[in-house]
Amino acid sequence: MTLRFDAGIWGWDSGLDIRGWDLWMMRHVRLLFRLLVPLVLAACTSGADIIDCNLRVVAQMPMQVQDHLLIVPAGINGQWAKLVVDTGAERTTLSSKAAERLGLARDERFTTRSLGVGGITTSKDAKIDRLVLGGVRFPLQRLAVGDFNLQNSRGLDADGLLGADILLAFDLDIDVPGGTLTLYHATVCPAVKPPWPTPAVEIPGISARKDRLLIPFTLDGTAGTAILDTGAQVNLVSGGMIRRMGLSEQAFDGDPRVMQHGVGPNQVMARLHRFNLLQIGPVAYQPSYMMVMPGDAGFGDALLGEQFLAGRRVWLSFKSRQVYVSQPDTP
């Protein structure tokens, strides 16, 4: 399996054990999870079909912002770990240092090949007995392990990534101002709106590819499609998108150079460029600063990360292809 990246805690084990998942195959996760929670209360109807429109909380956990990344607590084999909320990671992954600290044995039968900004790494998965998020036990038997570091002098102190294999099986309420991440039972009801009173706007045209939520955008008048990646600290644009915009290398000669790190051992030089206008549905950034990556970078046209989420409350539904964002208090 290929793992694709971009770049003091409370909690408890309530004894609730969500069973019957195949967390290695996302399409099975989303199909089987519907069978785990009884269909109760009223439902909305569409013709002769019954569609469950009731939002039901599965788990809720505190969330911190550290160096422009969203961090939540997780219990692994009775010990605490801190994970980056990362919809851009295919699998939930620990750093090799964290796996060693937690005393996790490696499973020689399973190898993860990780592809990221820093190149490719290969490592053996780690065996676990249980993973607990927000008091709910998830029946994972192993986690991917990556050779990366999530500690720095700017306040980042994390042990791994909470990836799409878990996150996108649910509807997500990512409340950055309120400091909470809430997982809801996934629904396809078109009448469902974010379960909060804060004014919110819908981002139209959401689609999906494999386990990626794709958001249409325009950058200085050129249309593209971006991956919504909560594990990216900044918004990034690829060289392929730059070429479609008709920009040459000389357009970035005066821009600051920034080293980008990923899961691999290498570093990639990017440019911090000021564009005139980034438009994401009804949300506009003018001017917009984005990291320009060399080549095609492996993520399509662009990544929208914490720079897009900053100060917002965001509703993500992979199943119903919905994204709502609150209006921040300040531009």
Protein backbone atom coordinates (compact mmCIF):
# COMPACT_ATOMS: atom_id res chain seq x y z
CA MET A 1 0.00 0.00 0.00
CA THR A 2 1.24 3.50 -0.78
CA LEU A 3 0.86 6.20 1.83
CA ARG A 4 0.62 9.67 0.35
CA PHE A 5 1.31 12.76 2.47
CA ASP A 6 1.78 16.39 1.68
CA ALA A 7 3.96 17.32 3.94
CA GLY A 8 -1.15 16.95 28.63
CA ILE A 9 -4.25 15.54 27.01
CA TRP A 10 -7.54 14.22 28.20
CA GLY A 11 -9.56 11.25 27.03
CA TRP A 12 -10.61 7.79 28.10
CA ASP A 13 -11.64 4.36 26.86
CA SER A 14 -15.42 4.24 27.32
CA GLY A 15 -15.57 0.58 26.36
CA LEU A 16 -17.50 1.36 23.17
CA ASP A 17 -15.87 -0.90 20.58
CA ILE A 18 -16.68 -0.16 16.94
CA ARG A 19 -16.39 -3.51 15.17
CA GLY A 20 -16.67 -4.94 11.69
CA TRP A 21 -14.44 -2.50 9.84
CA ASP A 22 -11.89 -3.14 7.17
CA LEU A 23 -9.91 0.04 7.77
CA TRP A 24 -7.52 -0.83 4.98
CA MET A 25 -10.15 -0.26 2.31
CA MET A 26 -12.01 2.98 2.61
CA ARG A 27 -14.96 1.96 0.49
CA HIS A 28 -15.61 -0.94 2.87
CA VAL A 29 -15.26 1.31 5.90
CA ARG A 30 -17.92 3.71 4.74
CA LEU A 31 -20.26 0.91 3.66
CA LEU A 32 -19.96 -1.21 6.79
CA PHE A 33 -20.09 1.64 9.29
CA ARG A 34 -23.68 2.37 8.34
CA LEU A 35 -24.58 -1.02 9.80
CA LEU A 36 -22.99 -0.31 13.17
CA VAL A 37 -25.28 2.43 14.46
CA PRO A 38 -29.04 1.69 14.74
CA LEU A 39 -31.27 3.82 12.59
CA VAL A 40 -33.38 5.71 15.10
CA LEU A 41 -35.57 8.81 15.33
CA ALA A 42 -37.28 10.37 12.33
CA ALA A 43 -35.88 10.34 8.82
CA CYS A 44 -36.43 12.59 5.89
CA THR A 45 -37.86 11.06 2.75
CA SER A 46 -37.04 11.41 -0.92
CA GLY A 47 -39.63 9.70 -3.06
CA ALA A 48 -39.98 6.11 -1.90
CA ASP A 49 -36.49 6.01 -0.35
CA ILE A 50 -35.84 6.62 3.33
CA ILE A 51 -32.73 8.71 4.00
CA ASP A 52 -31.45 9.09 7.53
CA CYS A 53 -31.00 12.81 8.21
CA ASN A 54 -30.19 12.66 11.92
CA LEU A 55 -26.73 13.76 12.94
CA ARG A 56 -25.26 11.49 15.59
CA VAL A 57 -21.98 12.13 17.37
CA VAL A 58 -19.58 9.18 17.39
CA ALA A 59 -16.60 10.79 19.14
CA GLN A 60 -15.38 14.21 20.21
CA MET A 61 -11.90 15.21 21.25
CA PRO A 62 -9.98 18.40 22.11
CA MET A 63 -7.88 19.93 19.37
CA GLN A 64 -4.92 22.29 19.53
CA VAL A 65 -3.20 24.35 16.85
CA GLN A 66 0.56 23.84 16.89
CA ASP A 67 2.72 25.49 14.24
CA HIS A 68 -0.26 25.73 11.85
CA LEU A 69 -1.23 22.06 12.31
CA LEU A 70 -4.26 20.59 14.12
CA ILE A 71 -3.36 18.20 16.95
CA VAL A 72 -5.67 15.74 18.79
CA PRO A 73 -5.00 13.18 21.56
CA ALA A 74 -5.15 9.44 20.94
CA GLY A 75 -4.81 6.48 23.27
CA ILE A 76 -2.61 3.70 21.86
CA ASN A 77 -2.31 0.55 23.94
CA GLY A 78 -3.14 2.55 27.06
CA GLN A 79 -0.58 5.29 26.42
CA TRP A 80 -1.11 8.79 25.12
CA ALA A 81 -0.01 10.03 21.73
CA LYS A 82 -0.65 13.24 19.81
CA LEU A 83 -1.74 13.04 16.18
CA VAL A 84 -1.97 15.62 13.40
CA VAL A 85 -5.46 15.74 11.84
CA ASP A 86 -4.41 14.91 8.27
CA THR A 87 -6.98 14.23 5.56
CA GLY A 88 -4.07 14.12 3.10
CA ALA A 89 -2.57 10.97 4.63
CA GLU A 90 -4.07 7.71 3.34
CA ARG A 91 -3.38 5.86 6.60
CA THR A 92 -3.07 6.75 10.27
CA THR A 93 0.68 6.75 10.85
CA LEU A 94 3.16 7.00 13.71
CA SER A 95 6.65 8.35 13.49
CA SER A 96 9.32 5.70 14.03
CA LYS A 97 10.41 7.56 17.17
CA ALA A 98 6.87 7.43 18.60
CA ALA A 99 6.49 3.73 17.77
CA GLU A 100 9.69 3.06 19.70
CA ARG A 101 8.57 5.21 22.65
CA LEU A 102 5.25 3.36 22.84
CA GLY A 103 7.05 0.01 22.76
CA LEU A 104 5.23 -1.22 19.65
CA ALA A 105 6.51 -4.33 17.92
CA ARG A 106 6.79 -4.28 14.14
CA ASP A 107 4.72 -6.59 11.96
CA GLU A 108 7.10 -8.14 9.43
CA ARG A 109 4.20 -9.22 7.21
CA PHE A 110 3.16 -5.66 6.31
CA THR A 111 5.31 -2.98 4.72
CA THR A 112 4.21 0.58 4.00
CA ARG A 113 5.75 2.52 1.12
CA SER A 114 5.40 6.22 1.88
CA LEU A 115 5.46 8.85 -0.86
CA GLY A 116 5.70 12.50 0.09
CA VAL A 117 7.36 15.81 -0.59
CA GLY A 118 10.63 14.46 0.80
CA GLY A 119 10.70 11.36 -1.38
CA ILE A 120 9.93 7.69 -0.75
CA THR A 121 10.50 5.66 2.41
CA THR A 122 9.63 2.05 3.28
CA SER A 123 8.99 0.68 6.76
CA LYS A 124 7.29 -2.15 8.61
CA ASP A 125 3.89 -1.54 10.22
CA ALA A 126 3.54 -1.49 14.02
CA LYS A 127 1.24 -3.86 15.90
CA ILE A 128 -1.32 -2.35 18.30
CA ASP A 129 -4.06 -3.72 20.54
CA ARG A 130 -6.34 -0.69 20.52
CA LEU A 131 -6.69 2.90 19.38
CA VAL A 132 -8.94 5.22 21.39
CA LEU A 133 -10.23 8.57 20.09
CA GLY A 134 -12.58 10.68 22.17
CA GLY A 135 -13.42 7.73 24.42
CA VAL A 136 -14.24 5.41 21.51
CA ARG A 137 -12.19 2.33 20.75
CA PHE A 138 -11.31 1.66 17.12
CA PRO A 139 -10.36 -1.95 16.29
CA LEU A 140 -7.13 -1.34 14.42
CA GLN A 141 -4.52 -4.08 14.68
CA ARG A 142 -1.63 -2.18 13.13
CA LEU A 143 -0.53 1.31 12.17
CA ALA A 144 1.78 2.54 9.46
CA VAL A 145 5.15 3.87 10.60
CA GLY A 146 6.99 6.69 8.83
CA ASP A 147 10.48 8.11 9.12
CA PHE A 148 9.58 11.74 9.84
CA ASN A 149 9.83 14.21 12.70
CA LEU A 150 6.87 16.19 14.09
CA GLN A 151 8.70 18.16 16.77
CA ASN A 152 10.24 21.59 16.28
CA SER A 153 11.16 24.81 18.08
CA ARG A 154 7.96 26.54 16.91
CA GLY A 155 5.76 24.53 19.29
CA LEU A 156 4.96 21.44 17.24
CA ASP A 157 5.01 18.29 19.38
CA ALA A 158 3.20 15.39 17.72
CA ASP A 159 3.72 11.65 17.33
CA GLY A 160 1.98 10.88 14.06
CA LEU A 161 -0.89 11.48 11.68
CA LEU A 162 -4.61 10.74 12.04
CA GLY A 163 -5.31 9.87 8.43
CA ALA A 164 -8.10 9.51 5.91
CA ASP A 165 -8.61 5.81 6.69
CA ILE A 166 -10.42 6.96 9.86
CA LEU A 167 -11.33 10.60 9.25
CA LEU A 168 -13.15 10.26 5.94
CA ALA A 169 -15.33 7.43 7.21
CA PHE A 170 -17.19 10.13 9.18
CA ASP A 171 -18.70 13.55 8.75
CA LEU A 172 -16.25 15.95 10.42
CA ASP A 173 -16.83 19.09 12.45
CA ILE A 174 -13.39 20.74 12.63
CA ASP A 175 -13.88 23.60 15.06
CA VAL A 176 -10.59 25.49 15.00
CA PRO A 177 -11.77 28.49 17.10
CA GLY A 178 -13.50 26.19 19.63
CA GLY A 179 -10.63 23.71 19.80
CA THR A 180 -12.61 20.50 19.16
CA LEU A 181 -12.81 17.78 16.52
CA THR A 182 -16.13 15.92 16.36
CA LEU A 183 -16.78 12.76 14.33
CA TYR A 184 -20.36 12.22 13.20
CA HIS A 185 -21.99 9.16 11.70
CA ALA A 186 -21.70 9.71 7.95
CA THR A 187 -24.90 10.59 6.09
CA VAL A 188 -25.89 11.25 2.49
CA CYS A 189 -28.98 13.29 3.33
CA PRO A 190 -28.91 16.46 1.17
CA ALA A 191 -30.85 18.37 3.85
CA VAL A 192 -28.03 18.06 6.40
CA LYS A 193 -26.37 21.33 7.35
CA PRO A 194 -23.53 21.98 9.81
CA PRO A 195 -24.74 21.42 13.39
CA TRP A 196 -23.67 24.84 14.65
CA PRO A 197 -25.28 28.29 14.74
CA THR A 198 -22.26 30.14 13.31
CA PRO A 199 -23.00 31.59 9.85
CA ALA A 200 -21.54 29.26 7.26
CA VAL A 201 -21.23 29.13 3.49
CA GLU A 202 -21.15 26.04 1.28
CA ILE A 203 -18.28 25.45 -1.11
CA PRO A 204 -19.95 24.24 -4.34
CA GLY A 205 -18.66 21.67 -6.80
CA ILE A 206 -17.01 19.29 -4.30
CA SER A 207 -15.92 15.97 -5.79
CA ALA A 208 -13.79 13.04 -4.67
CA ARG A 209 -11.10 10.79 -6.08
CA LYS A 210 -10.15 7.68 -4.17
CA ASP A 211 -9.86 9.03 -0.60
CA ARG A 212 -9.37 12.69 -1.48
CA LEU A 213 -11.85 15.54 -1.22
CA LEU A 214 -11.38 17.80 -4.25
CA ILE A 215 -12.28 21.50 -4.23
CA PRO A 216 -12.58 23.65 -7.36
CA PHE A 217 -10.80 27.00 -7.25
CA THR A 218 -9.51 29.75 -9.47
CA LEU A 219 -6.11 31.39 -9.08
CA ASP A 220 -5.73 34.69 -10.92
CA GLY A 221 -8.48 33.62 -13.31
CA THR A 222 -7.19 30.10 -14.05
CA ALA A 223 -9.39 27.22 -12.86
CA GLY A 224 -7.99 24.24 -10.99
CA THR A 225 -8.85 21.48 -8.54
CA ALA A 226 -7.25 21.31 -5.10
CA ILE A 227 -6.96 18.50 -2.56
CA LEU A 228 -8.28 19.54 0.85
CA ASP A 229 -5.38 18.54 3.08
CA THR A 230 -5.72 19.41 6.76
CA GLY A 231 -2.16 18.17 7.29
CA ALA A 232 -0.62 20.87 5.10
CA GLN A 233 0.55 23.95 6.98
CA VAL A 234 0.15 26.25 3.98
CA ASN A 235 -1.58 26.34 0.61
CA LEU A 236 0.61 24.95 -2.16
CA VAL A 237 0.35 25.20 -5.95
CA SER A 238 2.09 22.83 -8.36
CA GLY A 239 4.35 23.58 -11.29
CA GLY A 240 1.74 22.11 -13.64
CA MET A 241 -0.82 24.68 -12.50
CA ILE A 242 1.77 27.44 -12.88
CA ARG A 243 2.42 26.43 -16.48
CA ARG A 244 -1.31 26.51 -17.23
CA MET A 245 -1.36 30.04 -15.87
CA GLY A 246 1.30 30.99 -18.40
CA LEU A 247 3.91 31.95 -15.79
CA SER A 248 7.61 31.42 -16.47
CA GLU A 249 10.40 30.76 -13.98
CA GLN A 250 11.35 34.44 -14.17
CA ALA A 251 8.04 35.37 -12.50
CA PHE A 252 9.39 33.94 -9.23
CA ASP A 253 12.94 35.26 -9.31
CA GLY A 254 12.38 37.75 -6.50
CA ASP A 255 10.34 35.44 -4.29
CA PRO A 256 11.60 34.07 -0.94
CA ARG A 257 12.89 30.48 -1.00
CA VAL A 258 11.42 28.10 1.58
CA MET A 259 12.55 24.54 2.30
CA GLN A 260 9.66 22.05 2.36
CA HIS A 261 9.87 18.83 4.40
CA GLY A 262 7.85 15.64 3.93
CA VAL A 263 7.87 12.03 5.09
CA GLY A 264 10.96 11.19 3.06
CA PRO A 265 14.59 12.07 3.76
CA ASN A 266 14.84 14.86 1.20
CA GLN A 267 13.98 18.56 1.27
CA VAL A 268 12.39 20.44 -1.60
CA MET A 269 12.93 24.11 -2.38
CA ALA A 270 9.71 26.07 -2.92
CA ARG A 271 8.96 29.73 -3.60
CA LEU A 272 6.57 31.90 -1.60
CA HIS A 273 4.70 33.88 -4.26
CA ARG A 274 2.07 36.58 -4.03
CA PHE A 275 -0.87 36.02 -6.38
CA ASN A 276 -3.63 38.55 -6.95
CA LEU A 277 -6.70 36.47 -6.15
CA LEU A 278 -7.45 32.96 -4.88
CA GLN A 279 -11.18 32.18 -5.15
CA ILE A 280 -12.62 29.09 -3.41
CA GLY A 281 -16.37 29.16 -3.93
CA PRO A 282 -17.60 32.28 -2.13
CA VAL A 283 -14.33 32.59 -0.18
CA ALA A 284 -11.75 34.94 -1.67
CA TYR A 285 -8.17 35.79 -0.70
CA GLN A 286 -6.73 38.98 -2.14
CA PRO A 287 -3.78 39.04 -2.28
CA SER A 288 -3.02 35.36 -1.82
CA TYR A 289 0.36 33.98 -0.78
CA MET A 290 1.01 30.38 -1.82
CA MET A 291 3.98 28.05 -1.91
CA VAL A 292 4.96 27.25 -5.49
CA MET A 293 6.36 23.73 -5.74
CA PRO A 294 8.71 22.65 -8.53
CA GLY A 295 7.44 20.18 -11.11
CA ASP A 296 4.07 18.52 -10.71
CA ALA A 297 4.70 17.72 -7.00
CA GLY A 298 2.45 14.63 -7.07
CA PHE A 299 -0.70 16.31 -5.72
CA GLY A 300 -2.37 17.72 -8.84
CA ASP A 301 -3.04 21.43 -9.12
CA ALA A 302 -2.89 22.52 -5.47
CA LEU A 303 -3.21 21.67 -1.80
CA LEU A 304 -5.46 23.68 0.51
CA GLY A 305 -4.28 23.33 4.08
CA GLU A 306 -4.41 24.98 7.47
CA GLN A 307 -3.90 28.35 5.81
CA PHE A 308 -7.43 27.90 4.41
CA LEU A 309 -8.82 26.47 7.69
CA ALA A 310 -7.25 29.10 9.97
CA GLY A 311 -9.81 30.76 12.24
CA ARG A 312 -12.69 28.83 10.71
CA ARG A 313 -15.12 26.13 11.70
CA VAL A 314 -15.33 23.59 8.89
CA TRP A 315 -17.83 20.84 8.08
CA LEU A 316 -16.49 18.03 5.85
CA SER A 317 -18.58 15.16 4.52
CA PHE A 318 -16.73 12.84 2.18
CA LYS A 319 -19.81 10.68 1.78
CA SER A 320 -22.16 13.49 0.70
CA ARG A 321 -19.43 15.60 -0.99
CA GLN A 322 -20.11 18.61 1.23
CA VAL A 323 -17.81 21.31 2.59
CA TYR A 324 -19.11 24.23 4.68
CA VAL A 325 -16.89 26.92 6.20
CA SER A 326 -17.73 29.54 8.79
CA GLN A 327 -16.96 33.17 8.14
CA PRO A 328 -13.93 34.16 10.23
CA ASP A 329 -14.19 37.13 12.58
CA THR A 330 -11.31 38.83 10.77
CA PRO A 331 -10.23 38.64 7.10
